[in-house]
N, C-alpha and C. Protein backbone atom coordinates (compact mmCIF):
# COMPACT_ATOMS: atom_id res chain seq x y z
N MET A 1 12.66 2.93 -5.59
CA MET A 1 11.45 2.18 -5.32
C MET A 1 10.07 2.92 -5.10
N ARG A 2 8.91 2.44 -5.40
CA ARG A 2 7.93 3.22 -5.16
C ARG A 2 7.20 2.49 -4.18
N ILE A 3 6.39 3.42 -3.32
CA ILE A 3 5.95 2.93 -2.29
C ILE A 3 4.60 3.79 -2.35
N ALA A 4 3.20 3.08 -1.71
CA ALA A 4 2.09 3.55 -1.58
C ALA A 4 1.97 3.80 -0.14
N ILE A 5 0.94 4.83 0.04
CA ILE A 5 0.33 4.95 1.71
C ILE A 5 -0.84 5.13 1.73
N ALA A 6 -1.53 3.96 2.15
CA ALA A 6 -2.85 4.17 2.53
C ALA A 6 -3.40 5.35 3.24
N SER A 7 -4.15 6.21 2.59
CA SER A 7 -4.64 7.19 3.33
C SER A 7 -6.04 7.84 3.03
N SER A 8 -6.62 8.54 3.78
CA SER A 8 -8.16 9.13 3.50
C SER A 8 -8.11 10.51 4.28
N THR A 9 -9.17 11.34 4.11
CA THR A 9 -9.55 12.60 4.26
C THR A 9 -9.56 12.57 6.12
N LYS A 10 -9.80 11.53 6.49
CA LYS A 10 -10.18 11.80 7.91
C LYS A 10 -8.81 11.31 8.77
N SER A 11 -7.61 11.09 8.11
CA SER A 11 -6.79 10.52 8.95
C SER A 11 -5.28 11.44 8.53
N ALA A 12 -4.46 11.48 9.48
CA ALA A 12 -2.94 12.22 9.66
C ALA A 12 -2.28 11.47 8.47
N LEU A 13 -2.03 10.33 8.29
CA LEU A 13 -0.95 9.96 7.47
C LEU A 13 -1.42 8.73 6.92
N THR A 14 -1.51 7.56 7.81
CA THR A 14 -1.83 6.23 7.22
C THR A 14 -3.11 5.86 7.70
N GLU A 15 -3.76 5.04 6.76
CA GLU A 15 -5.33 4.61 7.34
C GLU A 15 -5.50 3.18 7.10
N HIS A 16 -6.16 2.56 7.79
CA HIS A 16 -6.89 1.19 7.46
C HIS A 16 -6.96 0.68 6.04
N PHE A 17 -6.21 -0.15 5.44
CA PHE A 17 -6.38 -0.57 3.90
C PHE A 17 -7.88 -0.51 3.55
N GLY A 18 -8.51 -0.94 4.09
CA GLY A 18 -10.05 -1.12 3.85
C GLY A 18 -10.67 0.26 4.00
N LEU A 19 -10.31 1.24 4.93
CA LEU A 19 -10.97 2.35 4.67
C LEU A 19 -10.37 3.53 4.10
N ALA A 20 -9.39 3.17 3.44
CA ALA A 20 -8.37 4.21 2.65
C ALA A 20 -9.44 4.37 1.45
N ASP A 21 -9.52 5.95 0.96
CA ASP A 21 -10.39 6.47 -0.06
C ASP A 21 -8.87 7.04 -1.08
N ARG A 22 -7.72 6.92 -0.60
CA ARG A 22 -6.98 7.28 -1.58
C ARG A 22 -5.39 6.76 -1.22
N PHE A 23 -4.50 6.72 -1.97
CA PHE A 23 -3.32 6.30 -1.90
C PHE A 23 -2.17 7.18 -2.55
N LYS A 24 -1.26 7.51 -1.55
CA LYS A 24 0.07 8.44 -2.02
C LYS A 24 0.88 7.61 -2.37
N ILE A 25 1.40 7.84 -3.45
CA ILE A 25 2.46 6.86 -4.31
C ILE A 25 3.70 7.97 -4.01
N TYR A 26 4.71 7.51 -3.23
CA TYR A 26 5.98 7.85 -3.29
C TYR A 26 7.28 7.19 -4.28
N GLU A 27 8.10 8.15 -4.50
CA GLU A 27 8.89 7.28 -5.10
C GLU A 27 10.17 7.30 -3.93
N TYR A 28 10.80 6.35 -3.52
CA TYR A 28 11.39 6.65 -2.31
C TYR A 28 13.08 6.21 -2.57
N ASN A 29 13.85 7.27 -2.49
CA ASN A 29 15.34 6.67 -2.11
C ASN A 29 15.57 7.37 -0.86
N SER A 30 16.97 6.90 0.06
CA SER A 30 17.04 7.55 1.36
C SER A 30 17.46 8.85 1.48
N ALA A 31 17.74 9.81 0.47
CA ALA A 31 17.63 11.16 0.51
C ALA A 31 16.68 11.86 0.51
N LYS A 32 15.59 11.83 -0.61
CA LYS A 32 14.58 12.40 -0.64
C LYS A 32 13.61 11.86 -1.15
N PRO A 33 12.13 11.59 -0.52
CA PRO A 33 11.36 10.76 -1.12
C PRO A 33 10.56 11.82 -1.76
N LYS A 34 9.85 11.61 -2.75
CA LYS A 34 9.50 12.34 -3.68
C LYS A 34 7.69 11.75 -4.01
N LEU A 35 6.75 12.58 -3.70
CA LEU A 35 5.17 12.40 -3.93
C LEU A 35 5.32 12.32 -5.26
N ILE A 36 4.78 11.44 -6.17
CA ILE A 36 4.71 11.03 -7.16
C ILE A 36 3.29 11.49 -8.00
N LYS A 37 2.25 10.88 -6.99
CA LYS A 37 0.70 10.91 -7.58
C LYS A 37 -0.05 10.54 -6.05
N GLU A 38 -1.38 11.10 -6.33
CA GLU A 38 -2.12 10.65 -5.41
C GLU A 38 -3.24 10.16 -5.94
N VAL A 39 -3.85 8.92 -5.75
CA VAL A 39 -4.89 8.37 -6.45
C VAL A 39 -6.12 8.08 -5.67
N SER A 40 -7.23 8.15 -5.98
CA SER A 40 -8.13 7.76 -5.34
C SER A 40 -9.24 6.76 -5.68
N VAL A 41 -9.72 6.03 -4.78
CA VAL A 41 -10.08 4.92 -4.82
C VAL A 41 -11.54 4.78 -3.72
N ALA A 42 -12.30 3.83 -4.17
CA ALA A 42 -13.68 3.69 -3.43
C ALA A 42 -12.89 2.84 -2.15
N PRO A 43 -13.50 3.29 -0.94
CA PRO A 43 -12.89 2.03 0.08
C PRO A 43 -13.36 0.76 -0.11
N TYR A 44 -12.42 0.02 0.33
CA TYR A 44 -12.60 -1.66 0.14
C TYR A 44 -13.57 -1.98 1.26
N SER A 45 -13.78 -1.56 2.06
CA SER A 45 -14.77 -2.16 3.38
C SER A 45 -15.66 -0.65 3.94
N GLN A 46 -16.27 -1.10 4.63
CA GLN A 46 -17.43 -0.10 5.28
C GLN A 46 -17.16 -0.22 6.68
N ALA A 47 -16.18 -0.71 7.14
CA ALA A 47 -15.76 -0.96 8.55
C ALA A 47 -16.45 -1.92 9.11
N ASP A 48 -16.98 -2.92 8.58
CA ASP A 48 -17.71 -4.14 8.76
C ASP A 48 -16.65 -5.27 8.72
N PRO A 49 -15.95 -5.58 10.02
CA PRO A 49 -15.31 -6.64 9.99
C PRO A 49 -15.55 -7.97 9.47
N LYS A 50 -16.73 -8.42 9.46
CA LYS A 50 -17.30 -9.61 9.04
C LYS A 50 -17.39 -9.66 7.48
N HIS A 51 -17.16 -8.17 6.65
CA HIS A 51 -17.41 -8.24 5.11
C HIS A 51 -16.53 -9.47 4.36
N SER A 52 -16.89 -9.93 3.25
CA SER A 52 -16.42 -10.72 2.52
C SER A 52 -15.50 -10.15 1.88
N PHE A 53 -14.53 -11.12 1.07
CA PHE A 53 -13.66 -10.31 0.11
C PHE A 53 -14.10 -9.92 -0.96
N ASP A 54 -14.02 -8.88 -1.50
CA ASP A 54 -14.65 -7.94 -2.46
C ASP A 54 -13.38 -7.94 -3.54
N ILE A 55 -13.84 -8.90 -4.63
CA ILE A 55 -12.57 -9.07 -5.64
C ILE A 55 -12.54 -7.59 -6.45
N ARG A 56 -13.66 -6.99 -6.82
CA ARG A 56 -13.81 -5.94 -7.67
C ARG A 56 -13.21 -5.00 -7.05
N GLY A 57 -13.47 -4.47 -5.52
CA GLY A 57 -12.95 -3.53 -5.04
C GLY A 57 -11.42 -3.67 -4.71
N PHE A 58 -11.06 -4.73 -4.59
CA PHE A 58 -9.48 -5.11 -4.51
C PHE A 58 -8.86 -5.05 -5.42
N ARG A 59 -9.38 -5.47 -6.68
CA ARG A 59 -8.89 -5.15 -7.90
C ARG A 59 -8.62 -3.48 -8.32
N GLN A 60 -9.81 -2.61 -7.71
CA GLN A 60 -9.47 -1.61 -8.09
C GLN A 60 -8.13 -0.92 -7.30
N ILE A 61 -8.21 -1.42 -6.22
CA ILE A 61 -6.78 -0.85 -5.28
C ILE A 61 -5.85 -1.11 -5.73
N VAL A 62 -5.32 -2.66 -6.23
CA VAL A 62 -4.15 -3.04 -7.03
C VAL A 62 -3.90 -2.40 -8.37
N ASP A 63 -4.84 -2.21 -8.87
CA ASP A 63 -4.83 -1.12 -10.19
C ASP A 63 -3.79 0.11 -9.93
N ALA A 64 -4.84 0.83 -8.66
CA ALA A 64 -4.49 2.11 -8.56
C ALA A 64 -2.64 2.19 -8.24
N ILE A 65 -2.23 1.21 -7.45
CA ILE A 65 -1.03 1.06 -6.68
C ILE A 65 -0.04 0.28 -7.47
N THR A 66 -0.35 -0.48 -8.79
CA THR A 66 0.51 -1.12 -9.81
C THR A 66 1.73 -0.35 -9.92
N GLY A 67 2.66 -1.08 -9.64
CA GLY A 67 4.40 -0.52 -9.55
C GLY A 67 4.91 -0.36 -8.45
N CYS A 68 4.10 -0.22 -7.38
CA CYS A 68 4.59 -0.07 -6.15
C CYS A 68 5.06 -1.22 -5.76
N SER A 69 6.46 -1.25 -4.74
CA SER A 69 6.71 -2.41 -4.13
C SER A 69 6.31 -2.73 -2.68
N ALA A 70 5.73 -1.74 -2.15
CA ALA A 70 5.07 -1.96 -0.88
C ALA A 70 3.82 -0.93 -0.69
N VAL A 71 2.96 -0.86 0.35
CA VAL A 71 1.97 -0.36 0.68
C VAL A 71 1.99 -0.23 2.09
N ILE A 72 2.05 1.19 2.74
CA ILE A 72 2.03 1.54 3.86
C ILE A 72 0.59 1.70 4.44
N VAL A 73 0.19 0.52 5.45
CA VAL A 73 -1.28 0.85 6.35
C VAL A 73 -1.23 0.91 7.81
N SER A 74 -2.04 1.35 8.26
CA SER A 74 -2.23 1.49 9.89
C SER A 74 -2.69 -0.33 10.24
N GLN A 75 -3.50 -0.60 9.58
CA GLN A 75 -3.99 -1.90 9.82
C GLN A 75 -4.55 -2.45 8.51
N ILE A 76 -4.49 -3.74 8.40
CA ILE A 76 -5.01 -4.84 6.87
C ILE A 76 -5.65 -5.88 7.55
N GLY A 77 -6.34 -6.57 6.71
CA GLY A 77 -7.12 -7.99 6.91
C GLY A 77 -6.24 -8.92 6.32
N ALA A 78 -6.23 -10.25 6.82
CA ALA A 78 -5.25 -11.02 6.37
C ALA A 78 -5.55 -11.46 4.91
N ILE A 79 -6.66 -11.56 4.75
CA ILE A 79 -7.00 -11.79 3.01
C ILE A 79 -6.36 -11.06 2.09
N PRO A 80 -6.93 -9.54 2.38
CA PRO A 80 -6.34 -8.50 1.57
C PRO A 80 -4.40 -8.55 1.43
N GLU A 81 -4.14 -8.76 2.92
CA GLU A 81 -2.74 -8.91 3.12
C GLU A 81 -2.11 -9.84 2.08
N ARG A 82 -2.51 -10.92 2.16
CA ARG A 82 -2.31 -12.37 1.53
C ARG A 82 -2.01 -11.95 -0.13
N GLU A 83 -3.21 -11.54 -0.18
CA GLU A 83 -3.43 -11.22 -1.80
C GLU A 83 -2.58 -10.08 -2.47
N LEU A 84 -2.27 -8.92 -1.72
CA LEU A 84 -1.30 -8.12 -1.91
C LEU A 84 0.07 -8.79 -2.28
N LYS A 85 0.51 -9.61 -1.17
CA LYS A 85 1.69 -10.26 -1.57
C LYS A 85 1.84 -11.02 -2.75
N ASN A 86 0.50 -11.70 -2.96
CA ASN A 86 0.25 -12.67 -4.25
C ASN A 86 0.55 -11.70 -5.48
N CYS A 87 0.18 -10.19 -5.35
CA CYS A 87 0.32 -9.34 -6.23
C CYS A 87 1.92 -8.77 -6.21
N GLY A 88 2.80 -9.13 -5.47
CA GLY A 88 3.90 -8.46 -5.61
C GLY A 88 4.43 -7.42 -4.90
N ILE A 89 3.35 -6.87 -4.10
CA ILE A 89 3.48 -5.59 -3.33
C ILE A 89 3.43 -6.22 -1.65
N ASP A 90 4.35 -5.60 -0.95
CA ASP A 90 4.64 -5.97 0.48
C ASP A 90 3.93 -4.95 1.22
N THR A 91 3.33 -5.48 2.57
CA THR A 91 2.60 -4.91 3.40
C THR A 91 3.38 -4.24 4.44
N VAL A 92 3.31 -2.83 4.82
CA VAL A 92 3.97 -2.49 5.91
C VAL A 92 3.02 -1.94 6.94
N LYS A 93 3.01 -2.13 8.51
CA LYS A 93 1.72 -1.66 9.38
C LYS A 93 2.66 -0.90 10.17
N THR A 94 2.30 0.34 9.99
CA THR A 94 2.94 1.37 10.79
C THR A 94 2.14 2.83 10.99
N THR A 95 2.33 3.57 11.88
CA THR A 95 1.71 4.82 11.99
C THR A 95 2.76 5.94 12.03
N ALA A 96 3.79 5.33 11.93
CA ALA A 96 5.28 6.52 12.25
C ALA A 96 5.24 7.36 11.00
N PRO A 97 5.56 8.69 11.56
CA PRO A 97 5.71 9.79 10.52
C PRO A 97 6.25 9.51 9.19
N LEU A 98 6.01 10.26 8.16
CA LEU A 98 6.09 9.85 7.02
C LEU A 98 7.64 9.20 6.47
N GLN A 99 8.59 10.40 6.83
CA GLN A 99 9.96 9.94 6.59
C GLN A 99 10.26 8.35 7.24
N LYS A 100 10.01 8.20 8.38
CA LYS A 100 10.26 6.90 9.20
C LYS A 100 9.53 5.82 8.56
N ALA A 101 8.37 6.04 8.30
CA ALA A 101 7.50 5.15 7.55
C ALA A 101 7.90 4.58 5.86
N LEU A 102 8.48 5.79 5.33
CA LEU A 102 8.94 5.46 4.17
C LEU A 102 10.17 4.62 4.19
N LYS A 103 11.00 4.85 4.99
CA LYS A 103 12.31 4.49 5.30
C LYS A 103 12.00 2.85 5.72
N LEU A 104 11.37 2.61 6.70
CA LEU A 104 10.65 1.27 7.55
C LEU A 104 10.41 -0.06 5.92
N ALA A 105 9.27 0.67 5.58
CA ALA A 105 9.04 0.26 4.28
C ALA A 105 10.06 -0.29 3.12
N HIS A 106 10.90 0.69 3.03
CA HIS A 106 12.19 0.31 2.12
C HIS A 106 12.99 -0.81 2.85
N ASP A 107 13.26 -0.46 3.73
CA ASP A 107 14.04 -1.46 4.47
C ASP A 107 13.51 -2.76 4.91
N GLN A 108 12.28 -3.13 4.83
CA GLN A 108 11.46 -4.23 5.12
C GLN A 108 11.57 -4.91 3.72
N VAL A 109 11.44 -3.93 2.77
CA VAL A 109 11.40 -4.83 1.18
C VAL A 109 12.53 -5.05 0.55
N CYS A 110 13.74 -4.50 1.15
CA CYS A 110 14.89 -4.24 0.33
C CYS A 110 15.85 -4.46 1.71
N PRO A 111 16.35 -5.00 2.39
CA PRO A 111 17.54 -5.11 3.26
C PRO A 111 18.75 -5.11 2.60
N GLY A 112 19.33 -4.21 2.90
CA GLY A 112 20.73 -4.40 2.48
C GLY A 112 20.64 -3.40 1.39
N THR A 113 21.16 -3.85 0.01
CA THR A 113 21.22 -3.10 -1.42
C THR A 113 19.99 -3.28 -1.73
N CYS A 114 19.28 -2.44 -2.34
CA CYS A 114 18.05 -2.72 -2.94
C CYS A 114 17.95 -2.23 -4.55
N LYS A 115 17.57 -3.65 -5.17
CA LYS A 115 17.45 -3.65 -6.51
C LYS A 115 16.40 -3.75 -6.98
N ARG A 116 15.32 -3.53 -6.41
CA ARG A 116 13.99 -3.92 -6.61
C ARG A 116 13.58 -2.51 -7.06
N SER A 117 12.83 -2.61 -8.33
CA SER A 117 12.25 -1.22 -9.16
C SER A 117 11.00 -1.12 -8.67
N GLY A 118 10.09 -2.11 -8.52
CA GLY A 118 8.88 -1.84 -8.75
C GLY A 118 8.06 -3.39 -8.34
N GLY A 119 6.92 -2.83 -8.12
CA GLY A 119 5.96 -4.14 -7.71
C GLY A 119 5.62 -5.18 -8.83
N THR A 120 5.85 -6.29 -8.59
CA THR A 120 5.80 -7.33 -9.57
C THR A 120 4.19 -7.79 -9.95
N ARG A 121 3.79 -7.75 -11.18
CA ARG A 121 2.19 -7.87 -11.14
C ARG A 121 2.12 -9.45 -11.34
N ARG A 122 2.07 -10.36 -10.17
CA ARG A 122 2.29 -11.68 -10.68
C ARG A 122 0.86 -12.05 -10.20
N CYS A 123 -0.03 -11.10 -9.75
CA CYS A 123 -1.41 -11.81 -8.94
C CYS A 123 -2.30 -12.38 -10.46
N THR A 124 -2.91 -13.26 -9.87
CA THR A 124 -4.22 -13.61 -10.84
C THR A 124 -5.66 -13.59 -10.09
N LEU A 125 -5.99 -12.33 -10.22
CA LEU A 125 -7.21 -12.11 -9.76
C LEU A 125 -8.50 -12.02 -10.85
N ASN A 126 -9.50 -12.49 -10.57
CA ASN A 126 -10.40 -12.69 -11.62
C ASN A 126 -11.43 -11.67 -11.69
């Protein structure tokens, strides 16, 4: 299963969804997670908690992490979290080290035997 991690040049591992300027995409299996790619994005917000939902900025991020079943973040607003869910991407909030964060995301999305191969793009963004 593919998992994205919100990251930035300023953070050690996970970043707030809106402040991330890159997403690291991992192929995860319990034996050995593999970094597939790193994609750069424009940060969704500028640290203003009152900013409105930016459909264009959000779409850019969704396009960058298409194929992922989950995204790991340290924090995320309610609207982007709901919209990610509408796009078939589960949100996992944690600041755990890499291995633990990936396992947590996997186990949260696929409890038991995982048959999920990737995010399903069900979203209808305009």
